[in-house]
Amino acid sequence: MATHPIRAYRRAQKPPLRLEDLANRVGTTKANLSRIEGGKRKPSNKLLRKLVAETGIPAASIRPDLAGLFFKPAARPARGMLRRKRAA
């Protein structure tokens, strides 16, 4: 299982940021943040905004299920634009 982005952020800090300290900074409990890192709970929209502001982690990384709200699909090229010209 991949490491949750919030846990990776905390461990990357020098010295590593304690779970309790980050929880206090964003206004939640240590237990709630632990559940989020463990994948057992998703942060509310309000908490998500606070986590993004505090850590700089993109919201789509913390809540991949909401990624469609953050990114617009790329425009498709016009028909025939991707065809390669044949060598003569």
N, C-alpha and C. Protein backbone atom coordinates (compact mmCIF):
# COMPACT_ATOMS: atom_id res chain seq x y z
N MET A 1 0.84 -1.18 0.00
CA MET A 1 0.00 0.00 0.00
C MET A 1 0.89 1.25 0.00
N ALA A 2 0.55 2.22 -0.81
CA ALA A 2 1.33 3.44 -0.91
C ALA A 2 1.12 4.32 0.33
N THR A 3 2.14 5.08 0.65
CA THR A 3 2.06 5.99 1.78
C THR A 3 1.14 7.15 1.44
N HIS A 4 0.27 7.49 2.37
CA HIS A 4 -0.65 8.61 2.17
C HIS A 4 0.18 9.90 2.04
N PRO A 5 -0.23 10.83 1.16
CA PRO A 5 0.55 12.05 0.95
C PRO A 5 0.74 12.88 2.22
N ILE A 6 -0.22 12.88 3.12
CA ILE A 6 -0.07 13.65 4.35
C ILE A 6 1.01 13.02 5.23
N ARG A 7 1.03 11.70 5.31
CA ARG A 7 2.05 11.01 6.10
C ARG A 7 3.43 11.25 5.49
N ALA A 8 3.52 11.19 4.17
CA ALA A 8 4.79 11.44 3.49
C ALA A 8 5.27 12.87 3.77
N TYR A 9 4.35 13.83 3.76
CA TYR A 9 4.69 15.22 4.06
C TYR A 9 5.25 15.33 5.48
N ARG A 10 4.55 14.74 6.44
CA ARG A 10 4.98 14.83 7.84
C ARG A 10 6.37 14.25 8.03
N ARG A 11 6.62 13.10 7.40
CA ARG A 11 7.92 12.44 7.54
C ARG A 11 9.04 13.20 6.84
N ALA A 12 8.70 13.95 5.81
CA ALA A 12 9.72 14.68 5.05
C ALA A 12 10.20 15.95 5.76
N GLN A 13 9.45 16.41 6.75
CA GLN A 13 9.83 17.62 7.48
C GLN A 13 11.04 17.33 8.36
N LYS A 14 11.86 18.33 8.56
CA LYS A 14 13.06 18.19 9.41
C LYS A 14 12.92 19.07 10.62
N PRO A 15 12.76 18.56 11.81
CA PRO A 15 12.52 17.16 12.16
C PRO A 15 11.12 16.75 11.72
N PRO A 16 10.86 15.43 11.64
CA PRO A 16 9.53 14.98 11.22
C PRO A 16 8.42 15.60 12.07
N LEU A 17 7.36 15.99 11.41
CA LEU A 17 6.22 16.63 12.08
C LEU A 17 5.35 15.56 12.72
N ARG A 18 5.07 15.74 14.00
CA ARG A 18 4.24 14.78 14.71
C ARG A 18 2.78 14.90 14.26
N LEU A 19 2.09 13.78 14.28
CA LEU A 19 0.68 13.73 13.91
C LEU A 19 -0.12 14.73 14.73
N GLU A 20 0.13 14.76 16.01
CA GLU A 20 -0.59 15.66 16.91
C GLU A 20 -0.35 17.13 16.55
N ASP A 21 0.87 17.47 16.17
CA ASP A 21 1.18 18.86 15.83
C ASP A 21 0.44 19.31 14.56
N LEU A 22 0.43 18.46 13.54
CA LEU A 22 -0.29 18.81 12.31
C LEU A 22 -1.79 18.88 12.59
N ALA A 23 -2.30 17.96 13.38
CA ALA A 23 -3.72 17.98 13.72
C ALA A 23 -4.09 19.29 14.40
N ASN A 24 -3.26 19.75 15.33
CA ASN A 24 -3.52 21.02 16.01
C ASN A 24 -3.49 22.19 15.04
N ARG A 25 -2.57 22.17 14.09
CA ARG A 25 -2.45 23.27 13.12
C ARG A 25 -3.68 23.40 12.23
N VAL A 26 -4.29 22.26 11.90
CA VAL A 26 -5.44 22.30 10.98
C VAL A 26 -6.77 22.21 11.71
N GLY A 27 -6.73 22.12 13.02
CA GLY A 27 -7.97 22.15 13.80
C GLY A 27 -8.75 20.86 13.83
N THR A 28 -8.07 19.74 13.93
CA THR A 28 -8.75 18.46 14.05
C THR A 28 -8.06 17.66 15.16
N THR A 29 -8.53 16.46 15.38
CA THR A 29 -7.93 15.62 16.42
C THR A 29 -6.86 14.72 15.81
N LYS A 30 -5.98 14.27 16.67
CA LYS A 30 -4.94 13.34 16.26
C LYS A 30 -5.58 12.06 15.72
N ALA A 31 -6.64 11.58 16.38
CA ALA A 31 -7.32 10.36 15.95
C ALA A 31 -7.94 10.53 14.56
N ASN A 32 -8.56 11.69 14.31
CA ASN A 32 -9.19 11.93 13.01
C ASN A 32 -8.13 11.96 11.91
N LEU A 33 -7.03 12.65 12.16
CA LEU A 33 -5.97 12.74 11.15
C LEU A 33 -5.35 11.37 10.92
N SER A 34 -5.23 10.57 11.96
CA SER A 34 -4.71 9.22 11.81
C SER A 34 -5.62 8.38 10.93
N ARG A 35 -6.92 8.52 11.10
CA ARG A 35 -7.88 7.78 10.26
C ARG A 35 -7.79 8.22 8.80
N ILE A 36 -7.56 9.51 8.58
CA ILE A 36 -7.42 10.02 7.21
C ILE A 36 -6.17 9.44 6.57
N GLU A 37 -5.05 9.48 7.29
CA GLU A 37 -3.80 8.92 6.77
C GLU A 37 -3.91 7.43 6.52
N GLY A 38 -4.69 6.74 7.34
CA GLY A 38 -4.86 5.30 7.20
C GLY A 38 -5.87 4.90 6.14
N GLY A 39 -6.54 5.88 5.54
CA GLY A 39 -7.51 5.61 4.49
C GLY A 39 -8.87 5.17 5.00
N LYS A 40 -9.10 5.30 6.30
CA LYS A 40 -10.38 4.89 6.87
C LYS A 40 -11.41 6.00 6.84
N ARG A 41 -10.96 7.22 6.62
CA ARG A 41 -11.86 8.37 6.59
C ARG A 41 -11.34 9.37 5.57
N LYS A 42 -12.26 10.11 4.98
CA LYS A 42 -11.90 11.17 4.04
C LYS A 42 -12.11 12.51 4.76
N PRO A 43 -11.22 13.46 4.54
CA PRO A 43 -11.41 14.76 5.20
C PRO A 43 -12.61 15.50 4.63
N SER A 44 -13.27 16.26 5.48
CA SER A 44 -14.37 17.11 5.01
C SER A 44 -13.79 18.17 4.07
N ASN A 45 -14.65 18.85 3.35
CA ASN A 45 -14.18 19.90 2.45
C ASN A 45 -13.46 21.00 3.22
N LYS A 46 -13.98 21.34 4.39
CA LYS A 46 -13.36 22.38 5.22
C LYS A 46 -11.97 21.95 5.67
N LEU A 47 -11.85 20.72 6.15
CA LEU A 47 -10.56 20.21 6.60
C LEU A 47 -9.62 20.05 5.41
N LEU A 48 -10.14 19.64 4.28
CA LEU A 48 -9.32 19.50 3.08
C LEU A 48 -8.67 20.83 2.71
N ARG A 49 -9.45 21.91 2.75
CA ARG A 49 -8.88 23.24 2.44
C ARG A 49 -7.78 23.60 3.43
N LYS A 50 -7.98 23.29 4.71
CA LYS A 50 -6.96 23.59 5.72
C LYS A 50 -5.70 22.76 5.50
N LEU A 51 -5.87 21.50 5.17
CA LEU A 51 -4.71 20.64 4.91
C LEU A 51 -3.91 21.12 3.70
N VAL A 52 -4.61 21.51 2.65
CA VAL A 52 -3.94 22.02 1.44
C VAL A 52 -3.18 23.30 1.78
N ALA A 53 -3.80 24.20 2.54
CA ALA A 53 -3.15 25.47 2.90
C ALA A 53 -1.93 25.23 3.79
N GLU A 54 -2.02 24.29 4.70
CA GLU A 54 -0.92 24.03 5.64
C GLU A 54 0.23 23.26 5.01
N THR A 55 -0.09 22.28 4.16
CA THR A 55 0.95 21.39 3.64
C THR A 55 1.40 21.71 2.22
N GLY A 56 0.53 22.34 1.44
CA GLY A 56 0.85 22.58 0.04
C GLY A 56 0.60 21.38 -0.85
N ILE A 57 0.05 20.32 -0.27
CA ILE A 57 -0.28 19.12 -1.05
C ILE A 57 -1.52 19.41 -1.88
N PRO A 58 -1.52 19.10 -3.17
CA PRO A 58 -2.72 19.34 -3.99
C PRO A 58 -3.93 18.57 -3.45
N ALA A 59 -5.07 19.20 -3.49
CA ALA A 59 -6.30 18.58 -2.98
C ALA A 59 -6.59 17.26 -3.68
N ALA A 60 -6.30 17.18 -4.96
CA ALA A 60 -6.56 15.95 -5.71
C ALA A 60 -5.69 14.80 -5.24
N SER A 61 -4.55 15.09 -4.61
CA SER A 61 -3.71 14.02 -4.06
C SER A 61 -4.26 13.51 -2.75
N ILE A 62 -4.85 14.42 -1.98
CA ILE A 62 -5.43 14.02 -0.69
C ILE A 62 -6.76 13.33 -0.90
N ARG A 63 -7.57 13.83 -1.84
CA ARG A 63 -8.89 13.26 -2.12
C ARG A 63 -8.99 12.94 -3.61
N PRO A 64 -8.37 11.84 -4.07
CA PRO A 64 -8.42 11.50 -5.49
C PRO A 64 -9.84 11.32 -6.02
N ASP A 65 -10.77 10.98 -5.14
CA ASP A 65 -12.16 10.80 -5.57
C ASP A 65 -12.78 12.11 -6.03
N LEU A 66 -12.18 13.23 -5.66
CA LEU A 66 -12.69 14.55 -6.07
C LEU A 66 -11.87 15.16 -7.21
N ALA A 67 -10.94 14.41 -7.75
CA ALA A 67 -10.03 14.95 -8.76
C ALA A 67 -10.77 15.56 -9.94
N GLY A 68 -11.91 15.01 -10.31
CA GLY A 68 -12.68 15.54 -11.43
C GLY A 68 -13.18 16.95 -11.19
N LEU A 69 -13.30 17.34 -9.93
CA LEU A 69 -13.74 18.69 -9.62
C LEU A 69 -12.62 19.71 -9.77
N PHE A 70 -11.37 19.23 -9.74
CA PHE A 70 -10.23 20.13 -9.75
C PHE A 70 -9.61 20.27 -11.14
N PHE A 71 -9.81 19.29 -12.00
CA PHE A 71 -9.17 19.31 -13.32
C PHE A 71 -10.22 19.23 -14.40
N LYS A 72 -10.04 20.05 -15.42
CA LYS A 72 -10.91 19.97 -16.59
C LYS A 72 -10.23 19.05 -17.58
N PRO A 73 -10.99 18.22 -18.27
CA PRO A 73 -10.37 17.34 -19.27
C PRO A 73 -9.74 18.18 -20.37
N ALA A 74 -8.63 17.70 -20.87
CA ALA A 74 -7.94 18.40 -21.95
C ALA A 74 -8.81 18.41 -23.20
N ALA A 75 -8.73 19.48 -23.95
CA ALA A 75 -9.49 19.58 -25.19
C ALA A 75 -8.95 18.56 -26.18
N ARG A 76 -9.87 17.92 -26.89
CA ARG A 76 -9.45 16.95 -27.88
C ARG A 76 -9.01 17.68 -29.14
N PRO A 77 -7.95 17.21 -29.77
CA PRO A 77 -7.52 17.85 -31.02
C PRO A 77 -8.56 17.63 -32.12
N ALA A 78 -8.59 18.54 -33.05
CA ALA A 78 -9.53 18.42 -34.17
C ALA A 78 -9.24 17.13 -34.93
N ARG A 79 -10.28 16.59 -35.51
CA ARG A 79 -10.14 15.33 -36.24
C ARG A 79 -9.07 15.45 -37.33
N GLY A 80 -8.17 14.50 -37.35
CA GLY A 80 -7.14 14.49 -38.38
C GLY A 80 -5.87 15.23 -37.99
N MET A 81 -5.89 15.95 -36.89
CA MET A 81 -4.71 16.73 -36.48
C MET A 81 -3.56 15.82 -36.02
N LEU A 82 -3.86 14.63 -35.60
CA LEU A 82 -2.81 13.76 -35.08
C LEU A 82 -2.26 12.81 -36.14
N ARG A 83 -2.79 12.85 -37.31
CA ARG A 83 -2.29 11.96 -38.37
C ARG A 83 -0.91 12.41 -38.83
N ARG A 84 -0.07 11.43 -39.06
CA ARG A 84 1.28 11.74 -39.53
C ARG A 84 1.27 11.77 -41.06
N LYS A 85 2.11 12.63 -41.57
CA LYS A 85 2.24 12.70 -43.03
C LYS A 85 3.11 11.53 -43.48
N ARG A 86 2.73 10.96 -44.60
CA ARG A 86 3.51 9.85 -45.14
C ARG A 86 4.75 10.36 -45.83
N ALA A 87 5.82 9.61 -45.66
CA ALA A 87 7.06 9.98 -46.33
C ALA A 87 6.91 9.71 -47.83
N ALA A 88 7.46 10.59 -48.65
CA ALA A 88 7.32 10.46 -50.10
C ALA A 88 8.27 9.47 -50.67
